[in-house]
N, C-alpha and C. Protein backbone atom coordinates (compact mmCIF):
# COMPACT_ATOMS: atom_id res chain seq x y z
N MET A 1 0.85 -1.18 0.00
CA MET A 1 0.00 0.00 0.00
C MET A 1 0.89 1.24 0.00
N ASN A 2 0.51 2.22 -0.78
CA ASN A 2 1.29 3.44 -0.91
C ASN A 2 1.00 4.38 0.26
N ASN A 3 1.98 5.16 0.64
CA ASN A 3 1.81 6.14 1.70
C ASN A 3 1.21 7.41 1.10
N PRO A 4 -0.02 7.80 1.48
CA PRO A 4 -0.65 8.97 0.89
C PRO A 4 0.07 10.27 1.21
N PHE A 5 0.90 10.30 2.23
CA PHE A 5 1.59 11.53 2.59
C PHE A 5 2.81 11.79 1.73
N THR A 6 3.31 10.78 1.02
CA THR A 6 4.45 10.96 0.14
C THR A 6 4.03 11.10 -1.31
N GLN A 7 2.75 10.97 -1.60
CA GLN A 7 2.25 11.08 -2.96
C GLN A 7 1.90 12.52 -3.30
N SER A 8 1.91 12.80 -4.58
CA SER A 8 1.47 14.10 -5.07
C SER A 8 -0.05 14.14 -4.94
N MET A 9 -0.57 15.16 -4.27
CA MET A 9 -2.01 15.29 -4.07
C MET A 9 -2.55 16.35 -5.02
N ILE A 10 -3.71 16.05 -5.62
CA ILE A 10 -4.35 16.99 -6.54
C ILE A 10 -5.77 17.25 -6.07
N ASN A 11 -6.33 18.37 -6.52
CA ASN A 11 -7.68 18.74 -6.12
C ASN A 11 -8.72 17.85 -6.80
N ILE A 12 -9.77 17.53 -6.06
CA ILE A 12 -10.93 16.81 -6.62
C ILE A 12 -11.90 17.89 -7.06
N GLY A 13 -11.86 18.24 -8.32
CA GLY A 13 -12.66 19.37 -8.80
C GLY A 13 -12.06 20.64 -8.21
N GLY A 14 -12.73 21.74 -8.32
CA GLY A 14 -12.19 22.98 -7.77
C GLY A 14 -11.04 23.51 -8.60
N ASP A 15 -10.48 24.61 -8.17
CA ASP A 15 -9.39 25.27 -8.87
C ASP A 15 -8.09 24.53 -8.61
N SER A 16 -7.44 24.07 -9.66
CA SER A 16 -6.19 23.31 -9.50
C SER A 16 -5.06 24.17 -8.95
N ASN A 17 -5.19 25.49 -9.00
CA ASN A 17 -4.16 26.38 -8.46
C ASN A 17 -4.39 26.73 -7.00
N ASP A 18 -5.51 26.29 -6.44
CA ASP A 18 -5.84 26.59 -5.05
C ASP A 18 -5.20 25.53 -4.14
N GLY A 19 -4.06 25.86 -3.57
CA GLY A 19 -3.33 24.94 -2.71
C GLY A 19 -4.04 24.62 -1.41
N TYR A 20 -5.01 25.43 -1.03
CA TYR A 20 -5.72 25.22 0.23
C TYR A 20 -7.08 24.55 0.05
N TYR A 21 -7.39 24.16 -1.17
CA TYR A 21 -8.64 23.46 -1.43
C TYR A 21 -8.66 22.19 -0.60
N ARG A 22 -9.75 21.93 0.11
CA ARG A 22 -9.73 20.85 1.10
C ARG A 22 -10.01 19.46 0.57
N TYR A 23 -10.54 19.34 -0.64
CA TYR A 23 -10.83 18.02 -1.20
C TYR A 23 -9.69 17.59 -2.11
N LYS A 24 -8.89 16.66 -1.64
CA LYS A 24 -7.70 16.23 -2.37
C LYS A 24 -7.72 14.71 -2.57
N MET A 25 -6.97 14.29 -3.57
CA MET A 25 -6.78 12.87 -3.86
C MET A 25 -5.38 12.69 -4.41
N PRO A 26 -4.84 11.48 -4.33
CA PRO A 26 -3.52 11.27 -4.92
C PRO A 26 -3.60 11.23 -6.45
N ALA A 27 -2.56 11.73 -7.10
CA ALA A 27 -2.46 11.59 -8.55
C ALA A 27 -2.22 10.12 -8.87
N ILE A 28 -2.62 9.69 -10.04
CA ILE A 28 -2.47 8.30 -10.45
C ILE A 28 -0.99 7.91 -10.51
N LEU A 29 -0.68 6.76 -9.92
CA LEU A 29 0.65 6.15 -10.02
C LEU A 29 0.50 4.86 -10.79
N THR A 30 1.38 4.64 -11.77
CA THR A 30 1.27 3.44 -12.60
C THR A 30 2.58 2.67 -12.66
N SER A 31 2.44 1.42 -13.03
CA SER A 31 3.60 0.59 -13.38
C SER A 31 3.18 -0.22 -14.60
N TYR A 32 4.16 -0.62 -15.38
CA TYR A 32 3.88 -1.38 -16.59
C TYR A 32 4.49 -2.76 -16.48
N GLU A 33 3.69 -3.77 -16.78
CA GLU A 33 4.15 -5.15 -16.78
C GLU A 33 4.10 -5.67 -18.21
N ASN A 34 5.22 -6.16 -18.69
CA ASN A 34 5.31 -6.62 -20.06
C ASN A 34 5.00 -8.12 -20.14
N LYS A 35 3.82 -8.49 -19.65
CA LYS A 35 3.36 -9.88 -19.69
C LYS A 35 2.05 -9.94 -20.47
N ASN A 36 1.83 -11.03 -21.16
CA ASN A 36 0.56 -11.25 -21.86
C ASN A 36 0.15 -10.07 -22.73
N GLY A 37 1.07 -9.50 -23.47
CA GLY A 37 0.76 -8.38 -24.34
C GLY A 37 0.87 -7.03 -23.67
N GLY A 38 1.17 -6.99 -22.40
CA GLY A 38 1.36 -5.73 -21.68
C GLY A 38 0.15 -5.32 -20.87
N THR A 39 0.43 -4.91 -19.66
CA THR A 39 -0.61 -4.47 -18.73
C THR A 39 -0.12 -3.26 -17.95
N THR A 40 -0.96 -2.25 -17.84
CA THR A 40 -0.67 -1.10 -17.00
C THR A 40 -1.42 -1.28 -15.69
N VAL A 41 -0.73 -1.06 -14.58
CA VAL A 41 -1.35 -1.21 -13.27
C VAL A 41 -1.41 0.15 -12.58
N ILE A 42 -2.61 0.55 -12.16
CA ILE A 42 -2.75 1.75 -11.32
C ILE A 42 -2.53 1.27 -9.90
N THR A 43 -1.35 1.56 -9.37
CA THR A 43 -0.93 0.96 -8.11
C THR A 43 -1.57 1.60 -6.88
N ASN A 44 -2.06 2.81 -7.00
CA ASN A 44 -2.65 3.48 -5.84
C ASN A 44 -4.16 3.64 -5.96
N ILE A 45 -4.82 2.70 -6.63
CA ILE A 45 -6.26 2.80 -6.84
C ILE A 45 -7.04 2.78 -5.52
N THR A 46 -6.55 2.05 -4.52
CA THR A 46 -7.24 2.00 -3.23
C THR A 46 -7.32 3.39 -2.59
N GLU A 47 -6.22 4.13 -2.63
CA GLU A 47 -6.18 5.47 -2.06
C GLU A 47 -7.07 6.43 -2.85
N ILE A 48 -7.08 6.29 -4.17
CA ILE A 48 -7.93 7.13 -5.01
C ILE A 48 -9.40 6.87 -4.70
N LEU A 49 -9.79 5.60 -4.64
CA LEU A 49 -11.17 5.24 -4.33
C LEU A 49 -11.58 5.75 -2.95
N SER A 50 -10.69 5.67 -2.00
CA SER A 50 -10.97 6.17 -0.65
C SER A 50 -11.21 7.68 -0.67
N SER A 51 -10.40 8.40 -1.41
CA SER A 51 -10.54 9.86 -1.51
C SER A 51 -11.86 10.26 -2.18
N LEU A 52 -12.27 9.47 -3.17
CA LEU A 52 -13.50 9.77 -3.92
C LEU A 52 -14.74 9.18 -3.27
N LYS A 53 -14.55 8.29 -2.30
CA LYS A 53 -15.65 7.59 -1.64
C LYS A 53 -16.50 6.83 -2.67
N ARG A 54 -15.80 6.07 -3.52
CA ARG A 54 -16.44 5.26 -4.55
C ARG A 54 -15.91 3.84 -4.47
N THR A 55 -16.64 2.91 -5.11
CA THR A 55 -16.23 1.51 -5.09
C THR A 55 -15.39 1.17 -6.33
N SER A 56 -14.61 0.12 -6.20
CA SER A 56 -13.78 -0.31 -7.31
C SER A 56 -14.63 -0.78 -8.48
N ASN A 57 -15.78 -1.36 -8.21
CA ASN A 57 -16.66 -1.84 -9.26
C ASN A 57 -17.13 -0.71 -10.17
N GLU A 58 -17.56 0.41 -9.57
CA GLU A 58 -18.03 1.56 -10.35
C GLU A 58 -16.92 2.11 -11.24
N LEU A 59 -15.75 2.30 -10.65
CA LEU A 59 -14.65 2.91 -11.39
C LEU A 59 -14.08 1.99 -12.46
N SER A 60 -13.95 0.71 -12.16
CA SER A 60 -13.40 -0.21 -13.15
C SER A 60 -14.33 -0.34 -14.36
N LYS A 61 -15.64 -0.31 -14.15
CA LYS A 61 -16.59 -0.35 -15.27
C LYS A 61 -16.43 0.89 -16.15
N TYR A 62 -16.25 2.04 -15.52
CA TYR A 62 -16.09 3.29 -16.27
C TYR A 62 -14.81 3.26 -17.11
N PHE A 63 -13.71 2.81 -16.51
CA PHE A 63 -12.45 2.71 -17.25
C PHE A 63 -12.57 1.71 -18.39
N ALA A 64 -13.18 0.57 -18.14
CA ALA A 64 -13.34 -0.45 -19.18
C ALA A 64 -14.14 0.09 -20.37
N LYS A 65 -15.20 0.81 -20.08
CA LYS A 65 -16.03 1.38 -21.15
C LYS A 65 -15.25 2.42 -21.94
N ASN A 66 -14.52 3.30 -21.26
CA ASN A 66 -13.81 4.38 -21.93
C ASN A 66 -12.55 3.93 -22.65
N LEU A 67 -11.95 2.86 -22.20
CA LEU A 67 -10.73 2.35 -22.85
C LEU A 67 -11.02 1.19 -23.79
N SER A 68 -12.24 0.69 -23.78
CA SER A 68 -12.65 -0.45 -24.60
C SER A 68 -11.70 -1.64 -24.41
N CYS A 69 -11.45 -1.94 -23.15
CA CYS A 69 -10.59 -3.08 -22.84
C CYS A 69 -10.97 -3.67 -21.49
N ASN A 70 -10.37 -4.79 -21.19
CA ASN A 70 -10.61 -5.47 -19.93
C ASN A 70 -9.89 -4.72 -18.80
N VAL A 71 -10.59 -4.47 -17.72
CA VAL A 71 -10.03 -3.80 -16.54
C VAL A 71 -10.41 -4.64 -15.33
N ARG A 72 -9.41 -4.92 -14.48
CA ARG A 72 -9.68 -5.73 -13.29
C ARG A 72 -9.03 -5.09 -12.07
N ILE A 73 -9.65 -5.31 -10.93
CA ILE A 73 -9.06 -4.91 -9.66
C ILE A 73 -8.46 -6.17 -9.05
N ILE A 74 -7.17 -6.12 -8.74
CA ILE A 74 -6.49 -7.25 -8.12
C ILE A 74 -6.04 -6.80 -6.74
N LYS A 75 -6.55 -7.50 -5.73
CA LYS A 75 -6.26 -7.15 -4.34
C LYS A 75 -4.75 -7.10 -4.10
N ASN A 76 -4.31 -6.09 -3.36
CA ASN A 76 -2.90 -5.87 -3.00
C ASN A 76 -2.00 -5.58 -4.20
N LYS A 77 -2.60 -5.29 -5.36
CA LYS A 77 -1.82 -4.97 -6.54
C LYS A 77 -2.29 -3.66 -7.17
N GLY A 78 -3.57 -3.56 -7.43
CA GLY A 78 -4.12 -2.35 -8.04
C GLY A 78 -5.13 -2.68 -9.12
N MET A 79 -5.39 -1.70 -9.96
CA MET A 79 -6.32 -1.87 -11.07
C MET A 79 -5.50 -2.11 -12.33
N THR A 80 -5.73 -3.23 -12.99
CA THR A 80 -4.98 -3.57 -14.19
C THR A 80 -5.77 -3.20 -15.43
N VAL A 81 -5.06 -2.61 -16.39
CA VAL A 81 -5.64 -2.18 -17.65
C VAL A 81 -4.80 -2.80 -18.76
N ILE A 82 -5.45 -3.43 -19.72
CA ILE A 82 -4.73 -4.05 -20.82
C ILE A 82 -4.06 -2.98 -21.68
N GLY A 83 -2.79 -3.19 -22.01
CA GLY A 83 -2.05 -2.28 -22.88
C GLY A 83 -1.17 -1.33 -22.08
N ASN A 84 -0.29 -0.65 -22.81
CA ASN A 84 0.60 0.34 -22.20
C ASN A 84 -0.09 1.70 -22.25
N ARG A 85 -0.61 2.14 -21.12
CA ARG A 85 -1.38 3.39 -21.03
C ARG A 85 -0.56 4.43 -20.29
N SER A 86 -0.64 5.67 -20.73
CA SER A 86 0.10 6.75 -20.07
C SER A 86 -0.66 7.23 -18.85
N LYS A 87 0.07 7.81 -17.90
CA LYS A 87 -0.56 8.38 -16.71
C LYS A 87 -1.54 9.47 -17.10
N SER A 88 -1.15 10.29 -18.09
CA SER A 88 -2.01 11.41 -18.49
C SER A 88 -3.33 10.91 -19.09
N GLU A 89 -3.29 9.82 -19.87
CA GLU A 89 -4.50 9.25 -20.44
C GLU A 89 -5.42 8.74 -19.32
N LEU A 90 -4.84 8.02 -18.38
CA LEU A 90 -5.63 7.48 -17.27
C LEU A 90 -6.15 8.58 -16.36
N GLN A 91 -5.33 9.60 -16.09
CA GLN A 91 -5.76 10.73 -15.25
C GLN A 91 -6.89 11.49 -15.93
N SER A 92 -6.83 11.62 -17.25
CA SER A 92 -7.89 12.30 -18.00
C SER A 92 -9.22 11.56 -17.88
N ILE A 93 -9.18 10.23 -17.98
CA ILE A 93 -10.40 9.44 -17.83
C ILE A 93 -10.93 9.55 -16.41
N LEU A 94 -10.04 9.54 -15.43
CA LEU A 94 -10.46 9.70 -14.03
C LEU A 94 -11.10 11.06 -13.81
N THR A 95 -10.54 12.10 -14.42
CA THR A 95 -11.11 13.44 -14.30
C THR A 95 -12.52 13.49 -14.87
N LYS A 96 -12.75 12.85 -16.01
CA LYS A 96 -14.09 12.80 -16.60
C LYS A 96 -15.06 12.06 -15.69
N TYR A 97 -14.58 10.96 -15.08
CA TYR A 97 -15.41 10.21 -14.13
C TYR A 97 -15.80 11.12 -12.96
N ILE A 98 -14.84 11.84 -12.43
CA ILE A 98 -15.10 12.73 -11.29
C ILE A 98 -16.12 13.80 -11.67
N GLU A 99 -15.97 14.40 -12.84
CA GLU A 99 -16.90 15.44 -13.29
C GLU A 99 -18.32 14.90 -13.43
N THR A 100 -18.46 13.65 -13.86
CA THR A 100 -19.77 13.06 -14.10
C THR A 100 -20.38 12.40 -12.88
N TYR A 101 -19.57 11.66 -12.10
CA TYR A 101 -20.10 10.80 -11.04
C TYR A 101 -19.67 11.16 -9.63
N VAL A 102 -18.90 12.22 -9.46
CA VAL A 102 -18.48 12.59 -8.11
C VAL A 102 -18.91 14.02 -7.77
N LEU A 103 -18.62 14.98 -8.63
CA LEU A 103 -18.94 16.37 -8.33
C LEU A 103 -20.43 16.64 -8.46
N CYS A 104 -20.98 17.36 -7.48
CA CYS A 104 -22.38 17.74 -7.52
C CYS A 104 -22.59 18.75 -8.66
N PRO A 105 -23.56 18.49 -9.56
CA PRO A 105 -23.80 19.43 -10.65
C PRO A 105 -24.37 20.76 -10.18
N THR A 106 -24.92 20.79 -8.97
CA THR A 106 -25.51 22.02 -8.45
C THR A 106 -24.48 22.93 -7.79
N CYS A 107 -23.68 22.37 -6.86
CA CYS A 107 -22.74 23.20 -6.10
C CYS A 107 -21.27 22.90 -6.41
N GLY A 108 -20.99 21.81 -7.14
CA GLY A 108 -19.61 21.48 -7.50
C GLY A 108 -18.82 20.79 -6.41
N ASN A 109 -19.46 20.45 -5.31
CA ASN A 109 -18.79 19.82 -4.18
C ASN A 109 -18.65 18.31 -4.41
N PRO A 110 -17.52 17.70 -4.02
CA PRO A 110 -17.37 16.25 -4.19
C PRO A 110 -17.94 15.40 -3.06
N GLU A 111 -18.65 16.01 -2.12
CA GLU A 111 -19.24 15.25 -1.01
C GLU A 111 -20.56 14.63 -1.46
N THR A 112 -20.47 13.64 -2.34
CA THR A 112 -21.66 13.02 -2.91
C THR A 112 -21.66 11.52 -2.70
N THR A 113 -22.85 10.94 -2.85
CA THR A 113 -23.00 9.49 -2.83
C THR A 113 -23.84 9.10 -4.03
N ILE A 114 -23.54 7.93 -4.58
CA ILE A 114 -24.32 7.40 -5.70
C ILE A 114 -25.30 6.37 -5.15
N GLU A 115 -26.54 6.52 -5.57
CA GLU A 115 -27.58 5.56 -5.21
C GLU A 115 -27.99 4.86 -6.50
N ILE A 116 -27.79 3.56 -6.54
CA ILE A 116 -28.08 2.79 -7.75
C ILE A 116 -29.20 1.81 -7.46
N ASN A 117 -30.25 1.85 -8.28
CA ASN A 117 -31.28 0.82 -8.22
C ASN A 117 -31.56 0.35 -9.64
N LYS A 118 -32.48 -0.57 -9.82
CA LYS A 118 -32.69 -1.18 -11.14
C LYS A 118 -33.21 -0.20 -12.18
N LYS A 119 -33.99 0.78 -11.76
CA LYS A 119 -34.60 1.70 -12.72
C LYS A 119 -33.75 2.93 -13.02
N LYS A 120 -33.07 3.47 -12.01
CA LYS A 120 -32.28 4.68 -12.24
C LYS A 120 -31.19 4.82 -11.20
N SER A 121 -30.24 5.67 -11.50
CA SER A 121 -29.16 5.99 -10.57
C SER A 121 -29.20 7.48 -10.30
N SER A 122 -28.84 7.85 -9.07
CA SER A 122 -28.85 9.26 -8.73
C SER A 122 -27.62 9.61 -7.90
N LEU A 123 -27.28 10.89 -7.96
CA LEU A 123 -26.15 11.44 -7.23
C LEU A 123 -26.71 12.39 -6.18
N THR A 124 -26.47 12.10 -4.91
CA THR A 124 -26.97 12.93 -3.83
C THR A 124 -25.82 13.66 -3.18
N CYS A 125 -25.97 14.97 -3.03
CA CYS A 125 -24.92 15.81 -2.45
C CYS A 125 -25.17 15.97 -0.95
N ASP A 126 -24.16 15.63 -0.16
CA ASP A 126 -24.25 15.78 1.28
C ASP A 126 -24.08 17.24 1.71
N ALA A 127 -23.52 18.08 0.84
CA ALA A 127 -23.28 19.48 1.17
C ALA A 127 -24.54 20.33 0.94
N CYS A 128 -25.13 20.25 -0.26
CA CYS A 128 -26.28 21.11 -0.56
C CYS A 128 -27.61 20.37 -0.51
N GLY A 129 -27.58 19.04 -0.46
CA GLY A 129 -28.80 18.25 -0.33
C GLY A 129 -29.51 17.91 -1.63
N ASN A 130 -29.03 18.41 -2.75
CA ASN A 130 -29.69 18.13 -4.02
C ASN A 130 -29.44 16.70 -4.49
N THR A 131 -30.44 16.15 -5.16
CA THR A 131 -30.32 14.83 -5.78
C THR A 131 -30.51 15.02 -7.26
N ASN A 132 -29.57 14.49 -8.04
CA ASN A 132 -29.59 14.61 -9.48
C ASN A 132 -29.57 13.23 -10.12
N ASN A 133 -30.40 13.02 -11.12
CA ASN A 133 -30.44 11.74 -11.83
C ASN A 133 -29.21 11.62 -12.72
N LEU A 134 -28.66 10.41 -12.76
CA LEU A 134 -27.55 10.12 -13.65
C LEU A 134 -28.10 9.37 -14.85
N SER A 135 -27.54 9.63 -16.02
CA SER A 135 -28.01 8.93 -17.22
C SER A 135 -27.32 7.61 -17.39
């Protein structure tokens, strides 16, 4: 497990130049394994998920859809993505996920929870109280 205090921390939404912004997460850390055609591993996915208050299932599905490849979470290793992927590509996909499924569309705060049921999914903000339907 990576030490979150030695990692580069970035803002979860908000102004990236605001050093005092209180919602932070670690930047993506990767390693590349040249096995079975190559695999990129996001080694600090546990810390990222903890910062975002999301599950590995939600995030891995989003990455798989956006990268059109197999994505798996392997305990004590990280999230594996088929192919040699750059940190910037993976960080960009994570940023899109945050904008869609973490930040409140009303107030922009990341203090949200996702409620998923069979008919619809919604994003509820703990800060402003609004509930927004997700498509």
